[in-house]
Amino acid sequence: MARNLQEQQENYRAIAFSLIWVGLLILIDRLIGFSNLGAGWIMQRTNFLLYIGAIFLAVKKDKSIGLILGGIWIVLNLGKVFALLGSLSTYVLPVALLAGGVLLYIMSRKK
């Protein structure tokens, strides 16, 4: 029962941080306009998935929701991802994939 209560608190905390972040971004955009600063990509709808996914990854012990949101963002932005991967050095991508795989393996071994 205590674990269920802790999960609910983590959910509420992550949702609260997400609402605060989105509210701040919208307020800042209304006041100064990210487009005027050359950073219009900050307010793209698909990037909100990435922001919220990162918040869920940071706040919750169960990382599944954050990973799912990040995966959805990747699928929606495949063009950006491929452009980024194409501009990287030939060694950066394999090293990043190896590091990500090792990190996920270590996380899967934790009890």
Protein backbone atom coordinates (compact mmCIF):
# COMPACT_ATOMS: atom_id res chain seq x y z
CA MET A 1 0.00 0.00 0.00
CA ALA A 2 2.84 2.39 0.83
CA ARG A 3 4.49 1.71 -2.53
CA ASN A 4 1.25 2.49 -4.35
CA LEU A 5 1.00 5.78 -2.44
CA GLN A 6 4.61 6.60 -3.33
CA GLU A 7 3.92 5.90 -7.03
CA GLN A 8 0.88 8.17 -6.91
CA GLN A 9 2.94 10.93 -5.32
CA GLU A 10 5.61 10.54 -8.01
CA ASN A 11 2.92 10.72 -10.70
CA TYR A 12 1.42 13.86 -9.19
CA ARG A 13 4.86 15.44 -8.81
CA ALA A 14 5.82 14.67 -12.41
CA ILE A 15 2.50 15.98 -13.72
CA ALA A 16 2.84 19.11 -11.57
CA PHE A 17 6.36 19.79 -12.88
CA SER A 18 5.13 19.18 -16.43
CA LEU A 19 2.28 21.65 -16.05
CA ILE A 20 4.58 24.23 -14.46
CA TRP A 21 7.16 23.82 -17.26
CA VAL A 22 4.60 24.09 -20.06
CA GLY A 23 2.94 27.05 -18.36
CA LEU A 24 6.28 28.83 -18.00
CA LEU A 25 7.19 28.18 -21.63
CA ILE A 26 3.86 29.54 -22.86
CA LEU A 27 4.13 32.60 -20.60
CA ILE A 28 7.70 33.35 -21.69
CA ASP A 29 6.71 32.86 -25.31
CA ARG A 30 3.83 35.33 -24.91
CA LEU A 31 6.08 37.89 -23.22
CA ILE A 32 9.22 37.77 -25.37
CA GLY A 33 8.48 35.31 -28.17
CA PHE A 34 10.96 32.54 -28.84
CA SER A 35 10.47 33.06 -32.58
CA ASN A 36 11.83 36.60 -32.26
CA LEU A 37 14.96 35.18 -30.63
CA GLY A 38 15.45 32.57 -33.35
CA ALA A 39 14.39 29.72 -31.07
CA GLY A 40 10.93 28.96 -32.40
CA TRP A 41 11.64 25.23 -32.17
CA ILE A 42 11.16 25.46 -28.38
CA MET A 43 7.40 25.87 -28.82
CA GLN A 44 6.88 23.11 -31.39
CA ARG A 45 4.14 20.76 -30.24
CA THR A 46 6.18 17.61 -30.61
CA ASN A 47 8.93 19.03 -28.39
CA PHE A 48 6.48 19.18 -25.50
CA LEU A 49 6.51 15.37 -25.54
CA LEU A 50 10.26 15.48 -25.13
CA TYR A 51 10.07 17.97 -22.25
CA ILE A 52 7.43 15.99 -20.40
CA GLY A 53 9.25 12.71 -21.06
CA ALA A 54 12.44 14.18 -19.59
CA ILE A 55 10.54 15.38 -16.52
CA PHE A 56 9.01 11.92 -16.00
CA LEU A 57 12.46 10.34 -16.39
CA ALA A 58 13.91 12.71 -13.80
CA VAL A 59 11.11 12.49 -11.23
CA LYS A 60 9.78 8.93 -11.34
CA LYS A 61 11.56 5.75 -10.31
CA ASP A 62 9.60 3.83 -12.94
CA LYS A 63 11.10 5.14 -16.16
CA SER A 64 8.62 3.51 -18.56
CA ILE A 65 6.41 6.57 -19.13
CA GLY A 66 9.39 8.82 -19.83
CA LEU A 67 10.90 6.28 -22.23
CA ILE A 68 7.58 5.84 -24.05
CA LEU A 69 7.17 9.62 -24.46
CA GLY A 70 10.76 9.90 -25.68
CA GLY A 71 10.16 7.08 -28.16
CA ILE A 72 7.03 8.77 -29.47
CA TRP A 73 9.01 11.99 -29.90
CA ILE A 74 11.68 10.11 -31.87
CA VAL A 75 9.05 8.56 -34.15
CA LEU A 76 7.41 11.95 -34.75
CA ASN A 77 10.77 13.59 -35.47
CA LEU A 78 12.59 10.92 -37.46
CA GLY A 79 13.77 13.49 -39.99
CA LYS A 80 15.45 15.57 -37.28
CA VAL A 81 16.97 12.47 -35.68
CA PHE A 82 18.42 11.23 -38.98
CA ALA A 83 19.75 14.70 -39.80
CA LEU A 84 21.44 14.84 -36.40
CA LEU A 85 22.86 11.34 -36.75
CA GLY A 86 24.12 12.13 -40.24
CA SER A 87 26.00 15.19 -39.01
CA LEU A 88 27.75 13.33 -36.19
CA SER A 89 31.23 11.94 -36.41
CA THR A 90 31.51 8.30 -37.49
CA TYR A 91 32.60 7.34 -33.97
CA VAL A 92 30.02 9.24 -31.94
CA LEU A 93 26.99 7.18 -32.97
CA PRO A 94 28.47 3.73 -32.20
CA VAL A 95 29.86 4.95 -28.88
CA ALA A 96 26.51 6.51 -27.95
CA LEU A 97 24.66 3.30 -28.88
CA LEU A 98 27.10 1.20 -26.85
CA ALA A 99 26.82 3.52 -23.85
CA GLY A 100 23.02 3.54 -24.08
CA GLY A 101 22.91 -0.24 -24.30
CA VAL A 102 25.22 -0.67 -21.33
CA LEU A 103 23.22 1.84 -19.31
CA LEU A 104 19.93 0.08 -20.10
CA TYR A 105 21.48 -3.28 -19.23
CA ILE A 106 22.70 -1.97 -15.88
CA MET A 107 19.27 -0.48 -15.17
CA SER A 108 17.61 -3.80 -16.01
CA ARG A 109 19.86 -5.63 -13.52
CA LYS A 110 18.91 -3.42 -10.56
CA LYS A 111 16.39 -4.87 -8.17
